[in-house]
Amino acid sequence: MAGTVLALAVLTLAAPLSPAWSQQARQGQQNGSAAASLPPALQAAFSAGNSQQIAAAIATLSGGNPTVAASLSASLLSTAEAILATDPMRAIQAAAAAVQAVRATTVAAAAPQQTESVLTQAARIFVAPTAQRVAPELTASVAAAAISVAVSTGNPTLVANVSANAMRVAESVLSVNPAAAVQIASQAMQAVSSSVVQQSSPQQVMAVATSAARIIVNPEAQRVSPQAVGAIAGTVATVVSSPAVYQSAPATAIQAMANSYAAAQSTVVASVAPSASREVARAIADAGKSNVLSQVNPNNPSEMNRILNNSAPATASSTQTDQQQTGTQTPQVTNPSNDASTIFANASPS
C-alpha cells in the first residue's frame, strides 16, 4: 500500500504543469529578467506595477538631478517595451510614470536625448492595441501628456512624431468616447500649428491634421464638443493650406479642408461657434488664391471653390475598418488629461 502511495506521489510530481500555470511562470520569468537591469528600488516598484510607486522611486533615486531622472526613465521604458507583449498593463503603468518624470522643463533642458527617448518609447507603448485594451483611460492620458512634454522640449520633429502617434489613439477611441478623441485632437493640432514644426515634419503634420479632420466631421464628436470641433476645424484648414504641409500631399490636404468646412458648417457647431465657419471659409478662400499652392497643384483654385460650394464630400474616420485590419477592439475610455494628478489617478490599479 505504501509503495502504491509513493508511486502516485512521484507520478503527481512528475506530471506536466498546466498551460495556464506555465504561461504565468514564463511571464514572471520574462518580467523579472527584463527588470534585472534596473536599480533594486526601481525594479521593485516596476514589479509592483503601480505608477505612483514607480514615479516615487525615480524621484528618490534621482535625488533631484534631472539628468539622472531622465536616464532612469529611459531605462525603465526599455524594460517596459520588453514586456509589452506579455504584460501590457505593467508597460503602460511604467510609461505613465516615465512621462510624468520628464514633464519638468528642467529635465527636458538637461537631458534632451533621454527625454526624446522616453517619449518615443512611451508612444510605442500607448499606440499598442494591447495597452489600449487593458488600460484605455490611462493610455489616452499618457498620449495627451506626451504631447505636452514634447512641446516643452522645443524639438519640432519630436512634437510632430508624438502628436501623430497620439492621434492614432484618438481615432481608436472615437467610436466609444468622442469627447476623448476631440480633446487629444485639439491638443495635437495646437502642437503642430507652429510653422517650425510644419517645416521640419510636413508629412507628420499632415497625418495629424487629416486625422483630426476625420474626427471632427463625426456627428458624435460635434455633439459632445461643438466648441472644440469648431476651433479644430479652423486650425486644420490653416495648417494644411500652409505651403510646406500642402505640397506633401495636395489631395489629402484638400480632403482635410473639405472635412473642416463640413464640420464648421454643421448645425450643432455653427450654433455655438458661428465664427468657425467664417474662419475656415477664409482659410480655404485664401488657399484658392495662393499662387504657391497653384504651382503645386494647378487644380487647387477649382478644388477650393468646390469645397466652398459644398460640392466636395466630407469623409469621416472609420474606426471599424481600422479594427478589422488590426484585429483589435476599440477600448472604452473617459476624457484623457495631461494633468499629473489625473494621470496618476488613472494609473492606480483597480
Protein backbone atom coordinates (compact mmCIF):
# COMPACT_ATOMS: atom_id res chain seq x y z
CA MET A 1 0.00 0.00 0.00
CA ALA A 2 2.79 2.38 0.97
CA GLY A 3 4.52 1.61 -2.30
CA THR A 4 1.39 2.46 -4.25
CA VAL A 5 1.00 5.81 -2.46
CA LEU A 6 4.65 6.64 -3.08
CA ALA A 7 4.32 5.78 -6.75
CA LEU A 8 1.26 8.01 -7.10
CA ALA A 9 3.10 10.84 -5.38
CA VAL A 10 6.01 10.51 -7.78
CA LEU A 11 3.66 10.50 -10.77
CA THR A 12 1.90 13.59 -9.44
CA LEU A 13 5.17 15.47 -9.04
CA ALA A 14 6.29 14.37 -12.48
CA ALA A 15 3.02 15.43 -14.16
CA PRO A 16 3.38 18.34 -16.61
CA LEU A 17 2.33 21.82 -15.47
CA SER A 18 -0.97 23.18 -16.72
CA PRO A 19 -0.67 25.51 -19.73
CA ALA A 20 -2.06 28.48 -17.75
CA TRP A 21 0.37 27.98 -14.88
CA SER A 22 3.25 27.54 -17.28
CA GLN A 23 2.33 30.74 -19.12
CA GLN A 24 2.18 32.69 -15.85
CA ALA A 25 5.53 31.26 -14.81
CA ARG A 26 7.13 32.20 -18.14
CA GLN A 27 5.64 35.70 -17.93
CA GLY A 28 7.02 36.15 -14.44
CA GLN A 29 10.45 34.99 -15.55
CA GLN A 30 10.40 37.32 -18.57
CA ASN A 31 9.33 40.30 -16.46
CA GLY A 32 11.95 39.53 -13.85
CA SER A 33 14.69 39.19 -16.46
CA ALA A 34 13.68 42.43 -18.15
CA ALA A 35 13.71 44.36 -14.87
CA ALA A 36 17.03 42.93 -13.70
CA SER A 37 18.99 45.84 -15.19
CA LEU A 38 17.10 48.43 -13.14
CA PRO A 39 18.24 49.66 -9.71
CA PRO A 40 16.68 47.49 -6.95
CA ALA A 41 14.27 50.17 -5.73
CA LEU A 42 13.02 50.91 -9.24
CA GLN A 43 12.92 47.21 -10.02
CA ALA A 44 10.68 46.61 -7.00
CA ALA A 45 8.35 49.46 -7.95
CA PHE A 46 8.16 48.24 -11.53
CA SER A 47 7.35 44.73 -10.34
CA ALA A 48 4.55 46.15 -8.20
CA GLY A 49 3.05 47.68 -11.34
CA ASN A 50 1.97 50.97 -9.79
CA SER A 51 2.78 54.28 -11.48
CA GLN A 52 2.88 56.24 -8.25
CA GLN A 53 5.39 53.86 -6.71
CA ILE A 54 7.48 53.91 -9.87
CA ALA A 55 7.49 57.72 -10.00
CA ALA A 56 8.41 57.90 -6.32
CA ALA A 57 11.30 55.50 -6.89
CA ILE A 58 12.58 57.60 -9.81
CA ALA A 59 12.34 60.77 -7.71
CA THR A 60 14.20 59.19 -4.80
CA LEU A 61 16.92 57.60 -6.90
CA SER A 62 17.49 60.75 -8.97
CA GLY A 63 17.85 62.95 -5.89
CA GLY A 64 16.51 65.90 -7.83
CA ASN A 65 19.06 65.51 -10.62
CA PRO A 66 17.11 65.95 -13.88
CA THR A 67 19.68 64.07 -15.96
CA VAL A 68 19.51 61.05 -13.67
CA ALA A 69 15.69 61.19 -13.66
CA ALA A 70 15.63 61.16 -17.46
CA SER A 71 18.17 58.35 -17.67
CA LEU A 72 16.22 56.21 -15.19
CA SER A 73 13.00 56.87 -17.09
CA ALA A 74 14.57 55.84 -20.38
CA SER A 75 15.95 52.64 -18.86
CA LEU A 76 12.56 51.93 -17.32
CA LEU A 77 10.81 52.16 -20.67
CA SER A 78 13.36 49.93 -22.35
CA THR A 79 12.34 47.37 -19.75
CA ALA A 80 8.65 48.14 -20.24
CA GLU A 81 8.87 47.66 -24.00
CA ALA A 82 10.47 44.27 -23.48
CA ILE A 83 7.36 43.02 -21.66
CA LEU A 84 4.71 44.90 -23.64
CA ALA A 85 3.51 41.80 -25.45
CA THR A 86 3.16 39.73 -22.29
CA ASP A 87 2.26 42.35 -19.67
CA PRO A 88 0.81 45.47 -21.31
CA MET A 89 -0.66 46.74 -18.04
CA ARG A 90 2.72 46.93 -16.37
CA ALA A 91 4.17 48.51 -19.52
CA ILE A 92 1.61 51.33 -19.69
CA GLN A 93 1.94 51.92 -15.93
CA ALA A 94 5.67 52.37 -16.45
CA ALA A 95 5.04 54.68 -19.41
CA ALA A 96 2.78 56.87 -17.27
CA ALA A 97 5.45 57.19 -14.58
CA ALA A 98 8.25 57.83 -17.06
CA VAL A 99 6.36 60.56 -18.93
CA GLN A 100 5.49 62.15 -15.59
CA ALA A 101 9.15 62.08 -14.57
CA VAL A 102 10.26 64.04 -17.65
CA ARG A 103 7.44 66.60 -17.53
CA ALA A 104 9.61 69.13 -15.71
CA THR A 105 11.17 71.61 -18.11
CA THR A 106 14.46 71.22 -16.22
CA VAL A 107 14.57 67.56 -17.27
CA ALA A 108 13.94 68.31 -20.93
CA ALA A 109 16.59 71.03 -20.87
CA ALA A 110 19.20 68.99 -19.02
CA ALA A 111 18.66 65.70 -20.82
CA PRO A 112 17.03 66.28 -24.21
CA GLN A 113 18.18 63.00 -25.74
CA GLN A 114 16.89 60.89 -22.85
CA THR A 115 13.63 62.84 -22.82
CA GLU A 116 13.20 62.18 -26.54
CA SER A 117 13.90 58.50 -25.92
CA VAL A 118 11.28 58.38 -23.16
CA LEU A 119 8.62 59.99 -25.34
CA THR A 120 9.43 57.80 -28.34
CA GLN A 121 9.27 54.64 -26.25
CA ALA A 122 6.12 55.78 -24.46
CA ALA A 123 4.47 56.37 -27.83
CA ARG A 124 5.29 52.85 -28.95
CA ILE A 125 3.59 51.60 -25.80
CA PHE A 126 0.45 53.75 -25.87
CA VAL A 127 -0.29 53.00 -29.53
CA ALA A 128 -0.17 49.27 -28.86
CA PRO A 129 -3.68 47.75 -29.09
CA THR A 130 -2.90 45.52 -26.12
CA ALA A 131 -2.14 48.52 -23.91
CA GLN A 132 -5.29 50.31 -25.05
CA ARG A 133 -7.35 47.23 -24.32
CA VAL A 134 -6.15 46.65 -20.74
CA ALA A 135 -5.89 50.31 -19.66
CA PRO A 136 -7.75 52.55 -22.12
CA GLU A 137 -8.18 55.52 -19.79
CA LEU A 138 -4.55 55.55 -18.76
CA THR A 139 -3.39 55.03 -22.35
CA ALA A 140 -5.30 58.10 -23.51
CA SER A 141 -3.96 60.15 -20.61
CA VAL A 142 -0.37 59.17 -21.34
CA ALA A 143 -0.83 60.07 -25.01
CA ALA A 144 -2.11 63.52 -24.08
CA ALA A 145 0.67 64.06 -21.54
CA ALA A 146 3.31 63.01 -24.05
CA ILE A 147 2.21 65.77 -26.43
CA SER A 148 2.60 68.31 -23.65
CA VAL A 149 6.10 67.11 -22.81
CA ALA A 150 7.10 67.03 -26.48
CA VAL A 151 6.06 70.66 -26.89
CA SER A 152 8.12 71.64 -23.85
CA THR A 153 11.27 70.20 -25.44
CA GLY A 154 11.18 72.64 -28.33
CA ASN A 155 12.10 69.80 -30.71
CA PRO A 156 9.78 70.23 -33.72
CA THR A 157 10.38 66.76 -35.12
CA LEU A 158 9.61 65.17 -31.78
CA VAL A 159 6.45 67.25 -31.45
CA ALA A 160 5.23 66.07 -34.85
CA ASN A 161 6.03 62.42 -34.22
CA VAL A 162 4.47 62.25 -30.77
CA SER A 163 1.38 64.13 -31.95
CA ALA A 164 0.92 61.77 -34.89
CA ASN A 165 1.10 58.76 -32.58
CA ALA A 166 -1.30 60.34 -30.11
CA MET A 167 -3.79 60.85 -32.94
CA ARG A 168 -3.74 57.11 -33.55
CA VAL A 169 -5.05 56.73 -30.02
CA ALA A 170 -7.62 59.48 -30.63
CA GLU A 171 -9.05 57.76 -33.69
CA SER A 172 -9.10 54.42 -31.94
CA VAL A 173 -11.36 55.76 -29.18
CA LEU A 174 -13.58 57.93 -31.38
CA SER A 175 -16.46 55.49 -31.70
CA VAL A 176 -16.76 54.89 -27.97
CA ASN A 177 -15.65 58.21 -26.49
CA PRO A 178 -15.74 61.06 -29.00
CA ALA A 179 -15.02 63.66 -26.32
CA ALA A 180 -11.69 62.00 -25.58
CA ALA A 181 -10.86 61.88 -29.28
CA VAL A 182 -11.67 65.57 -29.71
CA GLN A 183 -9.58 66.53 -26.69
CA ILE A 184 -6.48 64.76 -27.99
CA ALA A 185 -7.10 66.15 -31.49
CA SER A 186 -7.30 69.67 -30.09
CA GLN A 187 -4.04 69.29 -28.21
CA ALA A 188 -2.25 67.71 -31.16
CA MET A 189 -3.39 70.39 -33.60
CA GLN A 190 -2.21 73.14 -31.30
CA ALA A 191 1.14 71.37 -31.06
CA VAL A 192 1.65 71.21 -34.84
CA SER A 193 0.28 74.67 -35.62
CA SER A 194 3.80 76.08 -35.30
CA SER A 195 5.41 76.90 -38.65
CA VAL A 196 8.68 75.45 -37.35
CA VAL A 197 7.01 72.08 -36.76
CA GLN A 198 5.36 72.23 -40.18
CA GLN A 199 8.64 72.99 -41.92
CA SER A 200 10.51 70.22 -40.13
CA SER A 201 7.97 67.40 -40.49
CA PRO A 202 5.30 68.27 -43.07
CA GLN A 203 4.19 64.69 -43.65
CA GLN A 204 3.71 64.01 -39.95
CA VAL A 205 1.86 67.28 -39.55
CA MET A 206 -0.38 66.31 -42.46
CA ALA A 207 -1.08 62.99 -40.74
CA VAL A 208 -2.10 64.80 -37.56
CA ALA A 209 -4.31 67.27 -39.40
CA THR A 210 -6.09 64.73 -41.58
CA SER A 211 -6.70 62.50 -38.58
CA ALA A 212 -8.15 65.45 -36.67
CA ALA A 213 -10.30 66.36 -39.68
CA ARG A 214 -11.73 62.85 -39.80
CA ILE A 215 -12.60 63.10 -36.13
CA ILE A 216 -14.34 66.47 -36.22
CA VAL A 217 -16.60 65.54 -39.13
CA ASN A 218 -18.03 62.75 -36.95
CA PRO A 219 -21.54 63.75 -35.74
CA GLU A 220 -20.94 62.43 -32.23
CA ALA A 221 -17.73 64.41 -31.90
CA GLN A 222 -19.64 67.52 -32.95
CA ARG A 223 -22.43 66.77 -30.49
CA VAL A 224 -20.25 66.30 -27.40
CA SER A 225 -17.65 69.02 -28.10
CA PRO A 226 -19.03 71.52 -30.63
CA GLN A 227 -16.90 74.45 -29.47
CA ALA A 228 -13.69 72.44 -29.64
CA VAL A 229 -14.66 70.99 -33.02
CA GLY A 230 -15.11 74.50 -34.40
CA ALA A 231 -11.69 75.56 -33.14
CA ILE A 232 -10.03 72.44 -34.53
CA ALA A 233 -11.69 72.99 -37.91
CA GLY A 234 -10.12 76.41 -38.21
CA THR A 235 -6.70 75.16 -37.17
CA VAL A 236 -6.81 72.22 -39.58
CA ALA A 237 -7.75 74.42 -42.54
CA THR A 238 -4.95 76.84 -41.75
CA VAL A 239 -2.32 74.15 -41.18
CA VAL A 240 -2.98 72.03 -44.28
CA SER A 241 -3.10 75.10 -46.52
CA SER A 242 0.39 76.16 -45.49
CA PRO A 243 2.72 75.52 -48.46
CA ALA A 244 5.05 73.17 -46.60
CA VAL A 245 2.24 70.89 -45.48
CA TYR A 246 0.02 71.20 -48.57
CA GLN A 247 2.72 70.18 -51.02
CA SER A 248 3.43 66.98 -49.05
CA ALA A 249 0.03 65.61 -50.16
CA PRO A 250 -2.27 68.06 -52.01
CA ALA A 251 -5.21 65.67 -52.37
CA THR A 252 -5.07 64.82 -48.68
CA ALA A 253 -4.93 68.50 -47.76
CA ILE A 254 -7.99 69.20 -49.91
CA GLN A 255 -9.94 66.42 -48.22
CA ALA A 256 -8.95 67.73 -44.78
CA MET A 257 -10.21 71.20 -45.73
CA ALA A 258 -13.46 69.71 -47.01
CA ASN A 259 -13.92 67.89 -43.71
CA SER A 260 -13.13 71.03 -41.73
CA TYR A 261 -15.62 73.10 -43.70
CA ALA A 262 -18.31 70.46 -43.29
CA ALA A 263 -17.68 70.26 -39.55
CA ALA A 264 -17.75 74.02 -39.08
CA GLN A 265 -20.98 74.30 -41.07
CA SER A 266 -22.78 71.57 -39.15
CA THR A 267 -25.84 72.82 -37.30
CA VAL A 268 -24.61 71.91 -33.84
CA VAL A 269 -21.18 73.51 -34.31
CA ALA A 270 -22.50 76.62 -36.06
CA SER A 271 -24.97 77.20 -33.24
CA VAL A 272 -22.25 77.53 -30.59
CA ALA A 273 -19.28 78.64 -32.72
CA PRO A 274 -20.67 80.69 -35.62
CA SER A 275 -17.28 82.26 -36.34
CA ALA A 276 -15.73 78.85 -37.06
CA SER A 277 -17.40 78.56 -40.44
CA ARG A 278 -16.20 82.02 -41.45
CA GLU A 279 -12.65 81.27 -40.29
CA VAL A 280 -12.50 78.02 -42.23
CA ALA A 281 -14.04 79.62 -45.32
CA ARG A 282 -11.50 82.42 -45.19
CA ALA A 283 -8.60 79.94 -44.96
CA ILE A 284 -9.97 77.97 -47.92
CA ALA A 285 -10.57 81.11 -49.98
CA ASP A 286 -7.03 82.29 -49.27
CA ALA A 287 -5.71 78.88 -50.28
CA GLY A 288 -7.61 79.14 -53.56
CA LYS A 289 -5.86 82.42 -54.33
CA SER A 290 -2.39 81.17 -53.45
CA ASN A 291 -0.02 81.10 -56.41
CA VAL A 292 2.33 78.86 -54.44
CA LEU A 293 -0.35 76.21 -53.93
CA SER A 294 -1.46 76.51 -57.55
CA GLN A 295 2.07 75.81 -58.70
CA VAL A 296 2.00 72.62 -56.64
CA ASN A 297 -1.50 71.70 -57.82
CA PRO A 298 -2.93 73.52 -60.87
CA ASN A 299 -6.42 72.35 -59.90
CA ASN A 300 -6.17 73.94 -56.47
CA PRO A 301 -8.38 77.02 -57.21
CA SER A 302 -11.20 74.90 -58.58
CA GLU A 303 -10.88 72.42 -55.71
CA MET A 304 -11.19 75.23 -53.17
CA ASN A 305 -14.28 76.52 -54.97
CA ARG A 306 -15.81 73.05 -54.87
CA ILE A 307 -15.39 72.98 -51.10
CA LEU A 308 -16.92 76.43 -50.64
CA ASN A 309 -19.82 75.42 -52.90
CA ASN A 310 -20.37 72.32 -50.76
CA SER A 311 -19.53 70.10 -53.73
CA ALA A 312 -16.66 68.27 -52.03
CA PRO A 313 -17.94 65.43 -49.79
CA ALA A 314 -16.54 65.02 -46.30
CA THR A 315 -15.00 61.73 -45.20
CA ALA A 316 -15.40 60.61 -41.61
CA SER A 317 -12.97 58.45 -39.69
CA SER A 318 -13.70 54.74 -39.91
CA THR A 319 -12.54 53.04 -36.74
CA GLN A 320 -14.41 49.91 -37.72
CA THR A 321 -12.14 49.42 -40.72
CA ASP A 322 -9.10 50.03 -38.55
CA GLN A 323 -10.29 47.42 -36.07
CA GLN A 324 -10.82 44.86 -38.80
CA GLN A 325 -7.33 45.44 -40.11
CA THR A 326 -5.68 45.20 -36.69
CA GLY A 327 -7.93 42.55 -35.22
CA THR A 328 -8.40 44.54 -32.03
CA GLN A 329 -11.35 46.03 -30.21
CA THR A 330 -11.67 49.76 -29.66
CA PRO A 331 -11.44 50.34 -25.90
CA GLN A 332 -13.76 52.42 -23.71
CA VAL A 333 -12.10 55.47 -22.21
CA THR A 334 -13.02 58.60 -20.34
CA ASN A 335 -11.66 62.01 -21.25
CA PRO A 336 -7.86 61.93 -21.27
CA SER A 337 -5.91 64.54 -19.39
CA ASN A 338 -2.36 65.77 -19.36
CA ASP A 339 -2.70 66.81 -15.73
CA ALA A 340 -0.32 64.89 -13.49
CA SER A 341 -2.85 64.12 -10.77
CA THR A 342 -5.27 62.72 -13.32
CA ILE A 343 -2.61 60.54 -14.90
CA PHE A 344 -1.71 59.04 -11.55
CA ALA A 345 -5.35 58.63 -10.58
CA ASN A 346 -5.88 56.74 -13.82
CA ALA A 347 -2.77 54.72 -13.13
CA SER A 348 -3.91 53.40 -9.79
CA PRO A 349 -4.55 49.68 -10.11
CA SER A 350 -8.12 48.57 -9.57
